[in-house]
Amino acid sequence: MKSALVLAVFAVLPFPPDMLPAADEIPDVAAVMADIARNQDRAEQMRQAYVYNQSLVLRFRRGNGKVAREETREYVVAPTEKGTSKHLSRFAGAYEKDGRLIPYAEPGFTYKDLDLDGELIDDLADDLADDRKSRDGISADLFPLTSKEQAKYEFVLKALEEYRGKQVYRITFKPKTHSWESEDGTPWQGEILVDTKDRQPVLVTTRLAKGIPAPIRVLLGTNLKGLGFKLAYEKFEEGIWFPVSYGAEFELRALFLYKRKIGIALNNSGFKRAHVTADIRFDPPLQVDGTLREPEVKPIPPIPPR
């Protein structure tokens, strides 16, 4: 893996005329991304002082649109010195059988020997929202914000814009290489909106830089359509930015006969500062619900061409 960040060439920057900064104010994209990496590291350290609630909804739909499997998981999250401690406080799951949704009471449940939905939904919950090495549980290799991940991408500063009342830089990114094998499992492209003052990400949108290799599609009957993620951040205190929402909707086809449209929606809320000496208790105990809430998982809009 290459270690140096590729410097983008600013031949033409499509800044709107009324927002065009002076020549000496146009930032170098490498410097901006380096600031983001440092600020992310600093923010992660500061997040150790906070406890918050996390809600995760996963929903699998069949080709006809009917729900095949769905789960709602609620956690109390306490960042630790080296990662994240998550306590499951509420769970509700259901699978479809003979036209009815049948509830179940715990994660990892399978109702038959070959239950692909049950195995896959549990794996997705762990892989995409329970990274123990991350301060927020979200897998770091999905978003090129840390120095390690940035080294795999090329970045270009496209514009200075306004987003929800904030001045932001719009920065696009793509993999440095075009081979699945050489990208170390990081085949993403997309864009980042960066707060110009704090140099913190406000919104990160990703999608696959290319499709599944043809041999896999042909030999294994496996394909992914529309895979991508959207991660939004908000500022809570000076230097404290938290990821508050994270979502995706994509279609998976596997083993020729298996087809699902998968929706993922994660929300963080209820941020509270915890004292270092406090004894954090997870009360009340796990609650099991027989029915699921039905929050809508909105599809990720495509990134408009510029």
Protein backbone atom coordinates (compact mmCIF):
# COMPACT_ATOMS: atom_id res chain seq x y z
CA MET A 1 0.00 0.00 0.00
CA LYS A 2 1.40 3.38 -0.93
CA SER A 3 1.93 5.71 2.00
CA ALA A 4 2.04 9.13 0.34
CA LEU A 5 -1.11 11.12 -0.38
CA VAL A 6 -1.40 12.12 -4.04
CA LEU A 7 -1.49 15.91 -4.46
CA ALA A 8 -4.43 17.11 -6.58
CA VAL A 9 -3.81 19.55 -9.39
CA PHE A 10 -6.09 22.60 -9.30
CA ALA A 11 -6.35 23.42 -12.97
CA VAL A 12 -9.94 24.68 -12.82
CA LEU A 13 -12.01 25.02 -9.67
CA PRO A 14 -15.75 25.49 -10.25
CA PHE A 15 -16.28 28.02 -7.46
CA PRO A 16 -19.43 30.11 -7.91
CA PRO A 17 -18.48 33.69 -8.84
CA ASP A 18 -19.96 35.18 -5.67
CA MET A 19 -18.06 32.68 -3.50
CA LEU A 20 -14.73 32.75 -5.31
CA PRO A 21 -11.95 33.13 -2.72
CA ALA A 22 -8.77 35.03 -3.33
CA ALA A 23 -5.99 33.03 -4.94
CA ASP A 24 -4.01 32.90 -1.71
CA GLU A 25 -7.08 31.57 0.14
CA ILE A 26 -7.61 28.48 -2.03
CA PRO A 27 -6.50 25.61 0.21
CA ASP A 28 -4.36 22.72 -0.88
CA VAL A 29 -6.52 19.58 -0.77
CA ALA A 30 -3.70 17.56 0.77
CA ALA A 31 -3.48 20.07 3.62
CA VAL A 32 -7.25 19.95 4.14
CA MET A 33 -7.28 16.16 4.27
CA ALA A 34 -4.31 16.14 6.65
CA ASP A 35 -6.22 18.51 8.95
CA ILE A 36 -9.25 16.20 8.79
CA ALA A 37 -7.13 13.21 9.79
CA ARG A 38 -5.64 15.08 12.76
CA ASN A 39 -9.02 16.47 13.82
CA GLN A 40 -10.65 13.05 13.55
CA ASP A 41 -7.99 11.58 15.82
CA ARG A 42 -8.45 14.44 18.29
CA ALA A 43 -12.25 14.17 18.19
CA GLU A 44 -12.08 10.42 18.80
CA GLN A 45 -10.01 11.02 21.92
CA MET A 46 -12.49 13.64 23.17
CA ARG A 47 -15.42 11.28 22.54
CA GLN A 48 -14.19 9.16 25.43
CA ALA A 49 -16.01 11.60 27.70
CA TYR A 50 -19.42 10.83 26.20
CA VAL A 51 -22.05 8.13 26.50
CA TYR A 52 -24.88 7.98 23.96
CA ASN A 53 -27.69 5.88 22.52
CA GLN A 54 -27.51 4.12 19.19
CA SER A 55 -30.39 2.74 17.13
CA LEU A 56 -29.74 0.33 14.27
CA VAL A 57 -32.45 -0.85 11.86
CA LEU A 58 -31.78 -3.52 9.22
CA ARG A 59 -34.41 -4.60 6.73
CA PHE A 60 -34.26 -7.22 3.96
CA ARG A 61 -36.90 -7.14 1.21
CA ARG A 62 -37.56 -9.72 -1.47
CA GLY A 63 -37.69 -8.92 -5.16
CA ASN A 64 -41.46 -8.31 -4.87
CA GLY A 65 -40.88 -5.67 -2.17
CA LYS A 66 -42.18 -7.74 0.76
CA VAL A 67 -40.16 -7.84 3.98
CA ALA A 68 -38.19 -11.08 4.40
CA ARG A 69 -36.30 -10.18 7.58
CA GLU A 70 -35.92 -7.16 9.83
CA GLU A 71 -34.27 -6.22 13.09
CA THR A 72 -34.13 -3.22 15.38
CA ARG A 73 -31.26 -3.02 17.84
CA GLU A 74 -30.77 -0.29 20.43
CA TYR A 75 -27.53 0.16 22.31
CA VAL A 76 -25.98 2.24 25.05
CA VAL A 77 -22.54 3.16 23.72
CA ALA A 78 -19.60 4.08 25.94
CA PRO A 79 -16.34 4.86 24.11
CA THR A 80 -13.28 3.47 25.87
CA GLU A 81 -9.58 4.24 25.71
CA LYS A 82 -8.99 1.86 22.80
CA GLY A 83 -12.40 1.42 21.21
CA THR A 84 -16.09 1.22 22.00
CA SER A 85 -18.17 -0.60 24.59
CA LYS A 86 -21.73 -1.31 23.41
CA HIS A 87 -24.53 -2.71 25.53
CA LEU A 88 -27.64 -4.04 23.77
CA SER A 89 -30.59 -2.48 25.62
CA ARG A 90 -33.45 -3.45 23.28
CA PHE A 91 -33.92 -5.92 20.45
CA ALA A 92 -36.78 -6.80 18.12
CA GLY A 93 -36.53 -9.21 15.19
CA ALA A 94 -38.91 -10.88 12.76
CA TYR A 95 -38.68 -13.22 9.77
CA GLU A 96 -41.26 -13.91 7.08
CA LYS A 97 -42.79 -17.37 6.75
CA ASP A 98 -45.94 -18.29 4.85
CA GLY A 99 -46.85 -14.65 4.42
CA ARG A 100 -46.54 -13.77 8.13
CA LEU A 101 -43.81 -11.96 10.08
CA ILE A 102 -42.81 -14.17 13.01
CA PRO A 103 -40.97 -12.40 15.87
CA TYR A 104 -37.81 -13.66 17.54
CA ALA A 105 -36.07 -12.54 20.70
CA GLU A 106 -32.30 -12.43 20.24
CA PRO A 107 -29.58 -11.54 17.70
CA GLY A 108 -28.11 -14.38 15.66
CA PHE A 109 -31.38 -16.33 15.55
CA THR A 110 -31.88 -18.78 12.66
CA TYR A 111 -35.09 -20.72 12.19
CA LYS A 112 -33.75 -23.41 9.85
CA ASP A 113 -30.45 -25.08 8.97
CA LEU A 114 -29.83 -22.87 5.93
CA ASP A 115 -31.11 -19.44 6.91
CA LEU A 116 -29.16 -17.03 4.71
CA ASP A 117 -31.16 -14.00 5.84
CA GLY A 118 -30.52 -14.76 9.51
CA GLU A 119 -26.79 -15.25 9.05
CA LEU A 120 -26.33 -12.26 6.76
CA ILE A 121 -28.30 -9.76 8.84
CA ASP A 122 -26.25 -10.62 11.93
CA ASP A 123 -22.97 -10.35 10.00
CA LEU A 124 -23.96 -6.95 8.60
CA ALA A 125 -24.83 -5.62 12.06
CA ASP A 126 -21.39 -6.64 13.32
CA ASP A 127 -19.32 -5.66 10.30
CA LEU A 128 -20.90 -2.30 9.49
CA ALA A 129 -21.87 -0.92 12.90
CA ASP A 130 -19.90 -2.75 15.59
CA ASP A 131 -16.23 -2.12 14.88
CA ARG A 132 -14.71 -2.47 18.34
CA LYS A 133 -11.57 -0.59 17.28
CA SER A 134 -13.62 2.48 16.36
CA ARG A 135 -14.79 5.12 18.87
CA ASP A 136 -18.22 5.20 17.20
CA GLY A 137 -18.53 1.56 16.10
CA ILE A 138 -18.61 2.45 12.40
CA SER A 139 -16.10 0.57 10.30
CA ALA A 140 -13.21 2.91 9.50
CA ASP A 141 -12.40 1.39 6.10
CA LEU A 142 -15.79 2.47 4.70
CA PHE A 143 -14.82 6.15 4.82
CA PRO A 144 -11.38 7.54 3.86
CA LEU A 145 -10.92 9.97 6.77
CA THR A 146 -7.97 8.61 8.74
CA SER A 147 -4.40 8.97 7.52
CA LYS A 148 -4.21 5.23 6.85
CA GLU A 149 -7.32 5.21 4.68
CA GLN A 150 -6.52 8.50 2.93
CA ALA A 151 -3.29 7.02 1.61
CA LYS A 152 -5.35 4.76 -0.69
CA TYR A 153 -7.19 7.60 -2.46
CA GLU A 154 -6.83 10.61 -4.70
CA PHE A 155 -8.65 13.76 -3.57
CA VAL A 156 -9.74 16.80 -5.56
CA LEU A 157 -11.22 19.99 -4.09
CA LYS A 158 -14.14 20.81 -6.38
CA ALA A 159 -15.99 23.76 -4.88
CA LEU A 160 -16.72 26.06 -1.98
CA GLU A 161 -20.41 25.72 -1.11
CA GLU A 162 -23.00 26.33 1.57
CA TYR A 163 -24.61 23.32 3.24
CA ARG A 164 -27.19 23.74 6.00
CA GLY A 165 -25.88 27.16 6.90
CA LYS A 166 -22.21 26.12 6.92
CA GLN A 167 -19.46 27.01 4.48
CA VAL A 168 -18.02 23.73 3.22
CA TYR A 169 -15.46 22.44 0.77
CA ARG A 170 -16.75 19.78 -1.58
CA ILE A 171 -13.98 17.25 -2.09
CA THR A 172 -14.27 14.22 -4.34
CA PHE A 173 -12.21 11.07 -3.98
CA LYS A 174 -11.49 7.87 -5.88
CA PRO A 175 -9.09 4.93 -5.45
CA LYS A 176 -5.52 5.41 -6.56
CA THR A 177 -5.62 2.07 -8.36
CA HIS A 178 -8.25 0.26 -10.38
CA SER A 179 -7.66 -3.31 -9.28
CA TRP A 180 -9.68 -5.01 -6.56
CA GLU A 181 -6.61 -6.90 -5.39
CA SER A 182 -4.45 -3.80 -4.89
CA GLU A 183 -6.99 -1.68 -3.02
CA ASP A 184 -6.82 -3.56 0.26
CA GLY A 185 -10.59 -3.93 0.41
CA THR A 186 -11.28 -0.24 -0.18
CA PRO A 187 -12.99 0.16 -3.57
CA TRP A 188 -14.89 3.38 -2.83
CA GLN A 189 -15.39 6.70 -4.55
CA GLY A 190 -17.55 9.64 -3.59
CA GLU A 191 -17.37 13.04 -1.96
CA ILE A 192 -16.82 14.73 1.38
CA LEU A 193 -18.32 18.01 2.56
CA VAL A 194 -15.83 19.62 4.96
CA ASP A 195 -16.53 22.48 7.36
CA THR A 196 -14.14 25.23 6.22
CA LYS A 197 -13.57 26.58 9.73
CA ASP A 198 -13.19 23.44 11.82
CA ARG A 199 -11.83 21.21 9.03
CA GLN A 200 -14.20 18.46 10.13
CA PRO A 201 -16.36 16.28 7.83
CA VAL A 202 -20.02 17.28 7.70
CA LEU A 203 -21.24 14.65 5.22
CA VAL A 204 -19.46 11.73 3.56
CA THR A 205 -21.09 9.92 0.62
CA THR A 206 -19.56 6.80 -0.93
CA ARG A 207 -20.35 4.31 -3.65
CA LEU A 208 -18.49 1.43 -5.26
CA ALA A 209 -15.86 2.70 -7.68
CA LYS A 210 -16.59 -0.25 -9.97
CA GLY A 211 -18.78 -3.31 -10.14
CA ILE A 212 -18.14 -6.83 -8.95
CA PRO A 213 -15.55 -8.51 -11.22
CA ALA A 214 -17.16 -10.43 -14.10
CA PRO A 215 -15.72 -13.85 -13.13
CA ILE A 216 -17.43 -13.64 -9.73
CA ARG A 217 -20.74 -12.62 -11.29
CA VAL A 218 -20.61 -15.40 -13.86
CA LEU A 219 -19.18 -18.26 -11.79
CA LEU A 220 -20.81 -17.54 -8.42
CA GLY A 221 -23.91 -15.67 -9.50
CA THR A 222 -23.08 -12.85 -7.08
CA ASN A 223 -23.58 -9.15 -7.67
CA LEU A 224 -24.11 -5.90 -5.77
CA LYS A 225 -26.08 -2.94 -7.10
CA GLY A 226 -26.13 0.54 -5.63
CA LEU A 227 -23.81 -0.26 -2.73
CA GLY A 228 -22.75 2.91 -0.97
CA PHE A 229 -22.99 4.66 2.37
CA LYS A 230 -23.84 8.09 3.71
CA LEU A 231 -22.45 9.34 7.01
CA ALA A 232 -23.47 12.67 8.59
CA TYR A 233 -21.68 14.51 11.42
CA GLU A 234 -22.80 17.26 13.79
CA LYS A 235 -20.86 19.56 16.10
CA PHE A 236 -21.78 19.39 19.79
CA GLU A 237 -19.00 21.35 21.47
CA GLU A 238 -15.79 23.01 20.41
CA GLY A 239 -13.70 20.26 18.83
CA ILE A 240 -16.42 17.63 19.39
CA TRP A 241 -18.02 16.26 16.23
CA PHE A 242 -20.05 13.06 16.38
CA PRO A 243 -21.39 10.88 13.57
CA VAL A 244 -25.17 11.16 14.03
CA SER A 245 -26.60 9.17 11.13
CA TYR A 246 -25.38 6.46 8.82
CA GLY A 247 -27.34 4.69 6.13
CA ALA A 248 -27.32 2.59 2.99
CA GLU A 249 -29.67 0.82 0.63
CA PHE A 250 -28.43 -1.66 -1.95
CA GLU A 251 -29.37 -4.83 -3.80
CA LEU A 252 -27.60 -8.15 -3.30
CA ARG A 253 -27.81 -11.13 -5.61
CA ALA A 254 -25.99 -14.29 -4.59
CA LEU A 255 -25.87 -17.95 -5.54
CA PHE A 256 -28.12 -17.26 -8.56
CA LEU A 257 -31.40 -17.64 -6.63
CA TYR A 258 -30.92 -15.35 -3.64
CA LYS A 259 -31.98 -11.71 -4.15
CA ARG A 260 -32.53 -9.07 -1.47
CA LYS A 261 -32.82 -5.30 -1.26
CA ILE A 262 -31.06 -4.39 1.97
CA GLY A 263 -31.64 -1.22 3.98
CA ILE A 264 -29.49 -0.06 6.90
CA ALA A 265 -30.22 2.96 9.10
CA LEU A 266 -28.16 3.92 12.16
CA ASN A 267 -28.79 6.93 14.38
CA ASN A 268 -26.87 8.23 17.39
CA SER A 269 -28.58 10.44 19.99
CA GLY A 270 -28.78 11.36 23.66
CA PHE A 271 -25.14 12.39 24.02
CA LYS A 272 -24.14 12.86 27.67
CA ARG A 273 -20.82 13.78 29.17
CA ALA A 274 -19.65 11.12 31.63
CA HIS A 275 -17.17 11.71 34.43
CA VAL A 276 -14.01 9.67 34.24
CA THR A 277 -14.58 8.28 37.73
CA ALA A 278 -18.24 7.49 37.11
CA ASP A 279 -19.47 3.93 37.32
CA ILE A 280 -21.45 3.54 34.11
CA ARG A 281 -24.38 1.16 34.57
CA PHE A 282 -26.57 -0.13 31.78
CA ASP A 283 -30.12 0.02 33.13
CA PRO A 284 -32.77 -1.14 32.52
CA PRO A 285 -31.88 -4.67 31.31
CA LEU A 286 -32.47 -5.85 27.76
CA GLN A 287 -36.03 -5.41 26.57
CA VAL A 288 -37.40 -7.68 23.86
CA ASP A 289 -40.20 -6.35 21.68
CA GLY A 290 -42.43 -8.53 19.57
CA THR A 291 -43.00 -5.90 16.92
CA LEU A 292 -40.69 -3.62 15.01
CA ARG A 293 -40.88 0.05 14.38
CA GLU A 294 -41.01 0.94 10.72
CA PRO A 295 -38.64 3.85 10.08
CA GLU A 296 -38.11 4.38 6.40
CA VAL A 297 -34.62 3.81 5.02
CA LYS A 298 -34.26 6.44 2.38
CA PRO A 299 -32.20 5.53 -0.71
CA ILE A 300 -28.95 7.38 -1.16
CA PRO A 301 -29.29 9.90 -3.96
CA PRO A 302 -26.65 9.68 -6.68
CA ILE A 303 -23.86 12.23 -6.65
CA PRO A 304 -24.73 14.74 -9.38
CA PRO A 305 -22.13 15.16 -12.12
CA ARG A 306 -20.12 18.36 -12.02
